Amino acid sequence: MTLFGYNLDGQQITALVSLLAVLALWLVVLGRERGYARWFRQWEADRKNRHDAEADRDGRKRGHKAGPWG
């Protein structure tokens, strides 16, 4: 097989296919990791909103600590 004027044998073709497969795998993993990070940020924001809503409902102020040291 000839690619860009170079003759490729079976071993080089296998290496090229393997490199392309690894690149495709990394692209899939990167997409899933970004999706997980986006989901986790949203989950943390929702959790903080629920906590703040519960604190407001109970009459506590955000950042106000009760006790002998604060």
Protein backbone atom coordinates (compact mmCIF):
# COMPACT_ATOMS: atom_id res chain seq x y z
CA MET A 1 0.00 0.00 0.00
CA THR A 2 1.24 3.49 -0.80
CA LEU A 3 0.39 6.47 1.40
CA PHE A 4 1.72 9.94 0.53
CA GLY A 5 4.40 8.39 -1.63
CA TYR A 6 5.62 5.94 1.03
CA ASN A 7 5.31 2.20 0.73
CA LEU A 8 3.76 0.72 3.85
CA ASP A 9 4.09 -2.93 4.81
CA GLY A 10 1.74 -4.89 7.05
CA GLN A 11 3.43 -3.95 10.30
CA GLN A 12 3.28 -0.22 9.53
CA ILE A 13 -0.36 -0.46 8.48
CA THR A 14 -1.16 -2.25 11.74
CA ALA A 15 0.66 0.43 13.73
CA LEU A 16 -1.19 3.20 11.86
CA VAL A 17 -4.58 1.54 12.49
CA SER A 18 -3.67 1.05 16.16
CA LEU A 19 -2.70 4.69 16.55
CA LEU A 20 -5.96 5.81 14.97
CA ALA A 21 -7.92 3.47 17.25
CA VAL A 22 -6.14 4.86 20.34
CA LEU A 23 -6.89 8.41 19.16
CA ALA A 24 -10.57 7.54 18.76
CA LEU A 25 -10.60 5.94 22.22
CA TRP A 26 -9.04 9.04 23.81
CA LEU A 27 -11.59 11.28 22.10
CA VAL A 28 -14.44 9.18 23.49
CA VAL A 29 -12.91 9.16 26.97
CA LEU A 30 -12.35 12.94 26.84
CA GLY A 31 -15.97 13.53 25.87
CA ARG A 32 -17.27 11.34 28.68
CA GLU A 33 -14.95 12.97 31.22
CA ARG A 34 -16.13 16.44 30.22
CA GLY A 35 -19.72 15.26 30.50
CA TYR A 36 -19.08 13.88 33.97
CA ALA A 37 -17.40 17.11 35.08
CA ARG A 38 -20.35 19.11 33.77
CA TRP A 39 -22.82 16.81 35.56
CA PHE A 40 -20.84 16.98 38.82
CA ARG A 41 -20.72 20.81 38.76
CA GLN A 42 -24.48 20.90 38.23
CA TRP A 43 -25.05 18.36 41.00
CA GLU A 44 -22.91 20.41 43.43
CA ALA A 45 -24.81 23.60 42.53
CA ASP A 46 -28.15 21.85 43.06
CA ARG A 47 -26.97 20.46 46.39
CA LYS A 48 -25.83 23.93 47.53
CA ASN A 49 -29.17 25.42 46.45
CA ARG A 50 -31.07 22.77 48.42
CA HIS A 51 -28.90 23.40 51.46
CA ASP A 52 -29.38 27.18 51.21
CA ALA A 53 -33.13 26.79 50.77
CA GLU A 54 -33.29 24.57 53.86
CA ALA A 55 -31.21 27.06 55.85
CA ASP A 56 -33.47 29.94 54.75
CA ARG A 57 -36.55 27.93 55.64
CA ASP A 58 -35.19 27.24 59.12
CA GLY A 59 -34.43 30.93 59.62
CA ARG A 60 -30.66 30.60 59.63
CA LYS A 61 -28.55 32.99 57.63
CA ARG A 62 -25.92 31.78 55.22
CA GLY A 63 -22.48 31.87 56.77
CA HIS A 64 -23.84 32.55 60.26
CA LYS A 65 -22.58 29.98 62.73
CA ALA A 66 -24.12 29.41 66.13
CA GLY A 67 -22.02 28.31 69.04
CA PRO A 68 -19.36 29.49 71.44
CA TRP A 69 -16.75 30.09 68.70
CA GLY A 70 -18.75 31.72 66.02
